[in-house]
């Protein structure tokens, strides 16, 4: 590991940004008339300018994600996230180390795709692009990706 401080700072920064994004997003969702679970959680969720905090945390998360990608590129550790080793036989058989490395790699890429779905749907909802006629499909994607992060 070439710079453990940078990696720790990136992970903690991303975690704090994700925590702010999730709590403010759950607060926004609790204002919906059909909210059940989030309405129950609203007592413990932040109050005030949650839209501003939610959008700011999205920008911070994007910055940390780009910083992480830059860190992987500069440090030469990007090869560790290569999808080349993903083979079905490595998930359940073979050497123990390779099996756990393959599972860990699947977790990483699941988190990356989940983040991309959450950020992409959030940006599209925010921009309200005029050529997209039906917005009803984006909000469930954004909501599902948020709950998936909570479970993840």
Protein backbone atom coordinates (compact mmCIF):
# COMPACT_ATOMS: atom_id res chain seq x y z
CA UNK A 1 0.00 0.00 0.00
CA UNK A 2 1.64 3.19 -1.15
CA UNK A 3 -0.38 5.76 0.80
CA UNK A 4 -2.69 4.34 3.47
CA UNK A 5 -3.67 7.82 4.72
CA UNK A 6 -5.12 8.79 1.34
CA UNK A 7 -7.12 5.57 1.17
CA UNK A 8 -8.45 5.97 4.72
CA UNK A 9 -9.33 9.64 4.09
CA UNK A 10 -11.15 8.75 0.86
CA UNK A 11 -13.14 5.98 2.52
CA UNK A 12 -14.13 8.05 5.56
CA UNK A 13 -14.98 11.06 3.42
CA UNK A 14 -17.15 8.89 1.20
CA UNK A 15 -18.81 7.27 4.23
CA UNK A 16 -19.66 10.64 5.81
CA UNK A 17 -20.99 11.96 2.49
CA UNK A 18 -23.05 8.81 2.04
CA UNK A 19 -24.43 9.07 5.58
CA UNK A 20 -25.49 12.69 5.00
CA UNK A 21 -26.98 11.80 1.64
CA UNK A 22 -28.95 8.85 3.04
CA UNK A 23 -30.31 10.68 6.08
CA UNK A 24 -31.34 13.77 4.11
CA UNK A 25 -32.80 11.60 1.35
CA UNK A 26 -34.84 9.64 3.88
CA UNK A 27 -36.07 12.95 5.31
CA UNK A 28 -37.13 14.08 1.82
CA UNK A 29 -38.87 10.74 1.28
CA UNK A 30 -40.69 11.02 4.61
CA UNK A 31 -42.58 14.05 3.28
CA UNK A 32 -44.31 11.84 0.72
CA UNK A 33 -47.95 10.97 1.52
CA UNK A 34 -47.34 7.25 0.87
CA UNK A 35 -44.27 7.13 3.13
CA UNK A 36 -44.57 4.46 5.77
CA UNK A 37 -41.14 3.51 7.09
CA UNK A 38 -39.52 6.88 6.44
CA UNK A 39 -42.40 8.70 8.16
CA UNK A 40 -41.76 6.54 11.22
CA UNK A 41 -38.02 7.36 11.05
CA UNK A 42 -38.62 11.09 10.59
CA UNK A 43 -38.22 11.78 14.31
CA UNK A 44 -34.53 10.87 14.09
CA UNK A 45 -33.82 12.37 10.68
CA UNK A 46 -32.32 15.84 10.12
CA UNK A 47 -34.51 18.93 9.92
CA UNK A 48 -34.08 22.18 8.04
CA UNK A 49 -32.55 22.71 4.62
CA UNK A 50 -32.32 19.01 3.76
CA UNK A 51 -32.56 19.61 0.00
CA UNK A 52 -29.44 21.79 0.10
CA UNK A 53 -27.57 19.21 2.21
CA UNK A 54 -28.74 16.38 -0.05
CA UNK A 55 -27.48 18.12 -3.20
CA UNK A 56 -24.23 19.18 -1.53
CA UNK A 57 -23.59 15.64 -0.33
CA UNK A 58 -24.15 14.36 -3.89
CA UNK A 59 -21.46 16.73 -5.16
CA UNK A 60 -19.13 15.67 -2.32
CA UNK A 61 -19.76 11.98 -3.06
CA UNK A 62 -19.00 12.53 -6.73
CA UNK A 63 -15.77 14.33 -5.80
CA UNK A 64 -14.71 11.49 -3.50
CA UNK A 65 -15.59 8.89 -6.15
CA UNK A 66 -13.47 10.73 -8.72
CA UNK A 67 -10.71 11.07 -6.11
CA UNK A 68 -10.87 7.33 -5.47
CA UNK A 69 -10.64 6.58 -9.20
CA UNK A 70 -7.66 8.94 -9.47
CA UNK A 71 -6.04 7.30 -6.44
CA UNK A 72 -6.46 3.85 -8.01
CA UNK A 73 -4.93 5.08 -11.26
CA UNK A 74 -1.99 6.95 -9.72
CA UNK A 75 -1.14 4.25 -7.16
CA UNK A 76 -1.39 1.43 -9.70
CA UNK A 77 -3.95 -0.39 -7.56
CA UNK A 78 -6.64 -0.30 -10.23
CA UNK A 79 -5.57 -3.76 -11.40
CA UNK A 80 -6.91 -5.18 -8.13
CA UNK A 81 -10.43 -4.25 -9.25
CA UNK A 82 -10.12 -5.86 -12.67
CA UNK A 83 -13.08 -7.97 -13.68
CA UNK A 84 -10.83 -10.44 -15.50
CA UNK A 85 -10.68 -12.88 -12.57
CA UNK A 86 -14.46 -13.06 -12.17
CA UNK A 87 -15.30 -16.63 -13.02
CA UNK A 88 -18.08 -18.74 -11.64
CA UNK A 89 -15.69 -21.50 -10.61
CA UNK A 90 -13.85 -19.03 -8.36
CA UNK A 91 -16.98 -18.09 -6.41
CA UNK A 92 -17.63 -21.51 -4.89
CA UNK A 93 -14.59 -23.65 -5.59
CA UNK A 94 -10.87 -23.44 -5.94
CA UNK A 95 -8.37 -21.90 -3.59
CA UNK A 96 -9.81 -20.15 -0.53
CA UNK A 97 -7.93 -16.90 -1.14
CA UNK A 98 -9.08 -16.67 -4.74
CA UNK A 99 -12.65 -17.46 -3.70
CA UNK A 100 -12.73 -14.64 -1.12
CA UNK A 101 -11.00 -12.24 -3.50
CA UNK A 102 -13.63 -12.95 -6.15
CA UNK A 103 -16.48 -12.39 -3.69
CA UNK A 104 -14.88 -9.19 -2.45
CA UNK A 105 -14.53 -8.00 -6.04
CA UNK A 106 -18.24 -8.68 -6.62
CA UNK A 107 -19.06 -6.59 -3.55
CA UNK A 108 -16.91 -3.73 -4.82
CA UNK A 109 -18.53 -3.72 -8.26
CA UNK A 110 -22.00 -4.04 -6.74
CA UNK A 111 -21.31 -0.92 -4.68
CA UNK A 112 -19.93 0.91 -7.74
CA UNK A 113 -23.02 0.07 -9.81
CA UNK A 114 -25.33 0.95 -6.94
CA UNK A 115 -23.61 4.32 -6.55
CA UNK A 116 -23.83 4.95 -10.30
CA UNK A 117 -27.58 4.14 -10.31
CA UNK A 118 -28.20 6.37 -7.32
CA UNK A 119 -26.15 9.28 -8.63
CA UNK A 120 -27.43 8.95 -12.20
CA UNK A 121 -31.09 8.79 -11.20
CA UNK A 122 -30.62 11.66 -8.74
CA UNK A 123 -28.98 13.89 -11.35
CA UNK A 124 -31.74 13.14 -13.88
CA UNK A 125 -34.44 13.87 -11.30
CA UNK A 126 -32.72 17.12 -10.36
CA UNK A 127 -32.19 18.31 -13.94
CA UNK A 128 -35.75 17.54 -15.11
CA UNK A 129 -34.59 17.36 -18.71
CA UNK A 130 -37.38 18.43 -21.08
CA UNK A 131 -36.96 15.56 -23.54
CA UNK A 132 -37.66 12.92 -20.89
CA UNK A 133 -41.44 12.54 -20.84
CA UNK A 134 -41.96 10.04 -18.03
CA UNK A 135 -40.18 10.71 -14.74
CA UNK A 136 -42.12 8.12 -12.79
CA UNK A 137 -39.49 5.43 -13.43
CA UNK A 138 -36.58 7.39 -11.95
CA UNK A 139 -37.87 7.94 -8.44
CA UNK A 140 -38.30 4.20 -7.71
CA UNK A 141 -34.75 3.60 -8.99
CA UNK A 142 -33.43 6.35 -6.75
CA UNK A 143 -35.42 5.08 -3.76
CA UNK A 144 -34.42 1.45 -4.34
CA UNK A 145 -30.74 2.33 -4.65
CA UNK A 146 -30.92 4.31 -1.38
CA UNK A 147 -32.50 1.38 0.47
CA UNK A 148 -29.99 -0.96 -1.12
CA UNK A 149 -27.18 1.21 0.33
CA UNK A 150 -28.84 0.98 3.75
CA UNK A 151 -28.94 -2.82 3.45
CA UNK A 152 -25.48 -3.00 1.87
